[in-house]
Amino acid sequence: MIDAMNAVEAMTDPLQRAKAIGEVMADQAERGKRWREMRRQVVLEMRTQQPPVSYRKIAEALGVGLATVQDIERGYTGSGKNRPRAKGAQDG
């Protein structure tokens, strides 16, 4: 996969390279939705095991942070920007 992306960047024709980049970016947007849901299903399955796998162990297995695992489980996307604020939290 990385080799394919490197091949796009190595294209010498700027117009051909721009077209290939556009195709990849369009596909990535749709594919990203499916992949996020696939990853979420893995987290949900791990959390419903008996005993449930801890957030910490899931984070280690996926190579992400603890808060990211919690966000994945809740269906949040992005960099925490759409994470609900705690009651009484003030803009700082």
N, C-alpha and C. Protein backbone atom coordinates (compact mmCIF):
# COMPACT_ATOMS: atom_id res chain seq x y z
N MET A 1 0.84 -1.18 0.00
CA MET A 1 0.00 0.00 0.00
C MET A 1 0.88 1.25 0.00
N ILE A 2 1.87 1.28 0.88
CA ILE A 2 2.78 2.42 0.94
C ILE A 2 3.53 2.57 -0.37
N ASP A 3 3.94 1.43 -0.96
CA ASP A 3 4.63 1.48 -2.25
C ASP A 3 3.75 2.12 -3.33
N ALA A 4 2.45 1.82 -3.30
CA ALA A 4 1.53 2.40 -4.28
C ALA A 4 1.43 3.92 -4.09
N MET A 5 1.38 4.36 -2.83
CA MET A 5 1.32 5.81 -2.58
C MET A 5 2.62 6.49 -3.01
N ASN A 6 3.74 5.83 -2.74
CA ASN A 6 5.03 6.37 -3.17
C ASN A 6 5.10 6.45 -4.70
N ALA A 7 4.50 5.47 -5.38
CA ALA A 7 4.49 5.47 -6.85
C ALA A 7 3.70 6.65 -7.39
N VAL A 8 2.60 6.98 -6.73
CA VAL A 8 1.82 8.15 -7.15
C VAL A 8 2.67 9.41 -6.99
N GLU A 9 3.33 9.55 -5.86
CA GLU A 9 4.16 10.73 -5.63
C GLU A 9 5.33 10.81 -6.60
N ALA A 10 5.78 9.67 -7.09
CA ALA A 10 6.93 9.64 -8.00
C ALA A 10 6.55 9.90 -9.45
N MET A 11 5.26 9.99 -9.76
CA MET A 11 4.84 10.24 -11.14
C MET A 11 5.45 11.56 -11.62
N THR A 12 6.01 11.53 -12.81
CA THR A 12 6.68 12.72 -13.33
C THR A 12 5.72 13.70 -14.00
N ASP A 13 4.62 13.21 -14.53
CA ASP A 13 3.64 14.08 -15.18
C ASP A 13 2.74 14.68 -14.10
N PRO A 14 2.83 16.01 -13.87
CA PRO A 14 2.05 16.64 -12.79
C PRO A 14 0.54 16.45 -12.95
N LEU A 15 0.04 16.48 -14.18
CA LEU A 15 -1.39 16.32 -14.42
C LEU A 15 -1.83 14.89 -14.09
N GLN A 16 -1.06 13.92 -14.54
CA GLN A 16 -1.36 12.52 -14.24
C GLN A 16 -1.29 12.27 -12.73
N ARG A 17 -0.27 12.85 -12.08
CA ARG A 17 -0.12 12.69 -10.64
C ARG A 17 -1.31 13.31 -9.90
N ALA A 18 -1.73 14.50 -10.30
CA ALA A 18 -2.87 15.17 -9.65
C ALA A 18 -4.15 14.36 -9.83
N LYS A 19 -4.34 13.77 -11.02
CA LYS A 19 -5.52 12.95 -11.25
C LYS A 19 -5.50 11.71 -10.36
N ALA A 20 -4.36 11.06 -10.25
CA ALA A 20 -4.23 9.87 -9.41
C ALA A 20 -4.47 10.22 -7.94
N ILE A 21 -3.95 11.36 -7.51
CA ILE A 21 -4.16 11.81 -6.13
C ILE A 21 -5.65 12.02 -5.88
N GLY A 22 -6.33 12.64 -6.80
CA GLY A 22 -7.77 12.88 -6.66
C GLY A 22 -8.55 11.58 -6.55
N GLU A 23 -8.19 10.60 -7.36
CA GLU A 23 -8.86 9.30 -7.31
C GLU A 23 -8.64 8.62 -5.96
N VAL A 24 -7.42 8.67 -5.47
CA VAL A 24 -7.10 8.05 -4.18
C VAL A 24 -7.85 8.76 -3.06
N MET A 25 -7.87 10.09 -3.08
CA MET A 25 -8.53 10.85 -2.02
C MET A 25 -10.04 10.61 -2.02
N ALA A 26 -10.64 10.51 -3.19
CA ALA A 26 -12.09 10.24 -3.26
C ALA A 26 -12.39 8.85 -2.69
N ASP A 27 -11.59 7.88 -3.04
CA ASP A 27 -11.79 6.53 -2.53
C ASP A 27 -11.54 6.48 -1.03
N GLN A 28 -10.54 7.20 -0.58
CA GLN A 28 -10.18 7.19 0.84
C GLN A 28 -11.32 7.70 1.72
N ALA A 29 -12.04 8.69 1.26
CA ALA A 29 -13.14 9.25 2.05
C ALA A 29 -14.20 8.18 2.33
N GLU A 30 -14.58 7.45 1.29
CA GLU A 30 -15.60 6.41 1.46
C GLU A 30 -15.04 5.20 2.20
N ARG A 31 -13.86 4.80 1.85
CA ARG A 31 -13.24 3.65 2.49
C ARG A 31 -12.99 3.92 3.97
N GLY A 32 -12.64 5.15 4.32
CA GLY A 32 -12.39 5.52 5.71
C GLY A 32 -13.61 5.27 6.59
N LYS A 33 -14.79 5.56 6.08
CA LYS A 33 -16.03 5.31 6.83
C LYS A 33 -16.18 3.83 7.14
N ARG A 34 -15.96 3.00 6.11
CA ARG A 34 -16.09 1.55 6.30
C ARG A 34 -15.03 1.03 7.26
N TRP A 35 -13.81 1.52 7.13
CA TRP A 35 -12.72 1.04 7.99
C TRP A 35 -12.91 1.46 9.43
N ARG A 36 -13.41 2.67 9.66
CA ARG A 36 -13.68 3.10 11.04
C ARG A 36 -14.71 2.19 11.69
N GLU A 37 -15.74 1.81 10.93
CA GLU A 37 -16.77 0.92 11.48
C GLU A 37 -16.21 -0.48 11.71
N MET A 38 -15.36 -0.96 10.83
CA MET A 38 -14.74 -2.27 11.01
C MET A 38 -13.88 -2.28 12.28
N ARG A 39 -13.13 -1.22 12.48
CA ARG A 39 -12.29 -1.11 13.68
C ARG A 39 -13.16 -1.03 14.92
N ARG A 40 -14.26 -0.28 14.83
CA ARG A 40 -15.17 -0.16 15.97
C ARG A 40 -15.76 -1.51 16.35
N GLN A 41 -16.10 -2.32 15.35
CA GLN A 41 -16.66 -3.64 15.62
C GLN A 41 -15.67 -4.52 16.38
N VAL A 42 -14.38 -4.41 16.05
CA VAL A 42 -13.37 -5.16 16.77
C VAL A 42 -13.33 -4.74 18.23
N VAL A 43 -13.35 -3.43 18.46
CA VAL A 43 -13.34 -2.93 19.84
C VAL A 43 -14.58 -3.40 20.58
N LEU A 44 -15.75 -3.29 19.95
CA LEU A 44 -16.98 -3.72 20.61
C LEU A 44 -16.96 -5.20 20.94
N GLU A 45 -16.45 -6.01 20.03
CA GLU A 45 -16.35 -7.45 20.28
C GLU A 45 -15.42 -7.74 21.45
N MET A 46 -14.30 -7.03 21.50
CA MET A 46 -13.35 -7.24 22.60
C MET A 46 -13.96 -6.83 23.95
N ARG A 47 -14.75 -5.77 23.92
CA ARG A 47 -15.37 -5.28 25.17
C ARG A 47 -16.50 -6.18 25.64
N THR A 48 -17.10 -6.98 24.73
CA THR A 48 -18.20 -7.85 25.14
C THR A 48 -17.74 -9.26 25.50
N GLN A 49 -16.43 -9.52 25.36
CA GLN A 49 -15.92 -10.81 25.79
C GLN A 49 -16.08 -10.94 27.30
N GLN A 50 -16.08 -12.18 27.78
CA GLN A 50 -16.16 -12.42 29.23
C GLN A 50 -14.86 -13.03 29.71
N PRO A 51 -14.07 -12.37 30.50
CA PRO A 51 -14.27 -10.99 30.95
C PRO A 51 -13.93 -10.01 29.83
N PRO A 52 -14.49 -8.80 29.90
CA PRO A 52 -14.19 -7.80 28.86
C PRO A 52 -12.70 -7.46 28.82
N VAL A 53 -12.19 -7.26 27.62
CA VAL A 53 -10.80 -6.83 27.45
C VAL A 53 -10.74 -5.36 27.88
N SER A 54 -9.73 -5.01 28.67
CA SER A 54 -9.63 -3.63 29.17
C SER A 54 -9.30 -2.66 28.03
N TYR A 55 -9.69 -1.41 28.24
CA TYR A 55 -9.35 -0.36 27.27
C TYR A 55 -7.84 -0.30 27.07
N ARG A 56 -7.10 -0.43 28.14
CA ARG A 56 -5.64 -0.35 28.07
C ARG A 56 -5.06 -1.45 27.17
N LYS A 57 -5.58 -2.68 27.31
CA LYS A 57 -5.08 -3.78 26.48
C LYS A 57 -5.49 -3.60 25.03
N ILE A 58 -6.69 -3.11 24.80
CA ILE A 58 -7.12 -2.84 23.42
C ILE A 58 -6.25 -1.75 22.81
N ALA A 59 -5.99 -0.70 23.58
CA ALA A 59 -5.15 0.40 23.08
C ALA A 59 -3.78 -0.12 22.68
N GLU A 60 -3.21 -0.97 23.51
CA GLU A 60 -1.89 -1.54 23.22
C GLU A 60 -1.96 -2.40 21.95
N ALA A 61 -3.00 -3.22 21.83
CA ALA A 61 -3.13 -4.10 20.66
C ALA A 61 -3.30 -3.31 19.36
N LEU A 62 -4.02 -2.19 19.43
CA LEU A 62 -4.27 -1.38 18.23
C LEU A 62 -3.19 -0.33 17.98
N GLY A 63 -2.34 -0.09 18.97
CA GLY A 63 -1.31 0.93 18.81
C GLY A 63 -1.86 2.34 18.88
N VAL A 64 -2.89 2.53 19.71
CA VAL A 64 -3.49 3.85 19.88
C VAL A 64 -3.58 4.16 21.37
N GLY A 65 -4.00 5.37 21.69
CA GLY A 65 -4.14 5.78 23.08
C GLY A 65 -5.44 5.29 23.70
N LEU A 66 -5.45 5.30 25.01
CA LEU A 66 -6.61 4.87 25.79
C LEU A 66 -7.87 5.65 25.41
N ALA A 67 -7.76 6.98 25.36
CA ALA A 67 -8.92 7.82 25.01
C ALA A 67 -9.41 7.52 23.60
N THR A 68 -8.48 7.17 22.70
CA THR A 68 -8.87 6.84 21.33
C THR A 68 -9.73 5.58 21.31
N VAL A 69 -9.37 4.58 22.11
CA VAL A 69 -10.17 3.36 22.18
C VAL A 69 -11.57 3.69 22.68
N GLN A 70 -11.66 4.53 23.69
CA GLN A 70 -12.97 4.92 24.22
C GLN A 70 -13.77 5.67 23.16
N ASP A 71 -13.11 6.55 22.42
CA ASP A 71 -13.78 7.28 21.33
C ASP A 71 -14.27 6.32 20.25
N ILE A 72 -13.43 5.33 19.90
CA ILE A 72 -13.81 4.35 18.88
C ILE A 72 -15.06 3.60 19.34
N GLU A 73 -15.05 3.17 20.60
CA GLU A 73 -16.19 2.42 21.12
C GLU A 73 -17.48 3.24 21.05
N ARG A 74 -17.38 4.52 21.35
CA ARG A 74 -18.55 5.40 21.36
C ARG A 74 -18.94 5.88 19.97
N GLY A 75 -18.10 5.60 18.98
CA GLY A 75 -18.41 6.00 17.61
C GLY A 75 -17.97 7.41 17.27
N TYR A 76 -17.15 8.04 18.13
CA TYR A 76 -16.65 9.38 17.84
C TYR A 76 -15.56 9.28 16.79
N THR A 77 -15.47 10.31 15.96
CA THR A 77 -14.43 10.36 14.94
C THR A 77 -13.67 11.67 15.09
N GLY A 78 -12.54 11.75 14.46
CA GLY A 78 -11.76 12.97 14.50
C GLY A 78 -10.76 12.96 15.64
N SER A 79 -10.29 14.12 15.99
CA SER A 79 -9.21 14.24 16.97
C SER A 79 -9.74 14.66 18.33
N GLY A 80 -10.91 14.18 18.69
CA GLY A 80 -11.48 14.54 19.99
C GLY A 80 -12.25 15.84 19.98
N LYS A 81 -12.31 16.50 18.84
CA LYS A 81 -13.01 17.79 18.76
C LYS A 81 -14.51 17.64 18.99
N ASN A 82 -15.06 16.48 18.61
CA ASN A 82 -16.50 16.29 18.78
C ASN A 82 -16.81 15.46 20.02
N ARG A 83 -15.83 15.30 20.89
CA ARG A 83 -16.04 14.59 22.14
C ARG A 83 -16.91 15.46 23.03
N PRO A 84 -17.95 14.87 23.63
CA PRO A 84 -18.82 15.69 24.50
C PRO A 84 -18.03 16.28 25.67
N ARG A 85 -18.38 17.50 26.04
CA ARG A 85 -17.73 18.16 27.17
C ARG A 85 -18.37 17.70 28.46
N ALA A 86 -17.59 17.67 29.51
CA ALA A 86 -18.12 17.32 30.82
C ALA A 86 -19.07 18.42 31.28
N LYS A 87 -20.07 18.06 32.05
CA LYS A 87 -21.00 19.07 32.57
C LYS A 87 -20.22 20.10 33.35
N GLY A 88 -20.53 21.35 33.12
CA GLY A 88 -19.89 22.45 33.84
C GLY A 88 -18.55 22.86 33.24
N ALA A 89 -18.11 22.20 32.15
CA ALA A 89 -16.83 22.58 31.54
C ALA A 89 -16.97 23.96 30.88
N GLN A 90 -16.01 24.77 31.08
CA GLN A 90 -15.99 26.12 30.52
C GLN A 90 -14.99 26.19 29.38
N ASP A 91 -15.24 27.07 28.43
CA ASP A 91 -14.25 27.31 27.38
C ASP A 91 -13.06 27.98 28.03
N GLY A 92 -11.88 27.47 27.71
CA GLY A 92 -10.71 28.01 28.38
C GLY A 92 -9.88 28.74 27.52
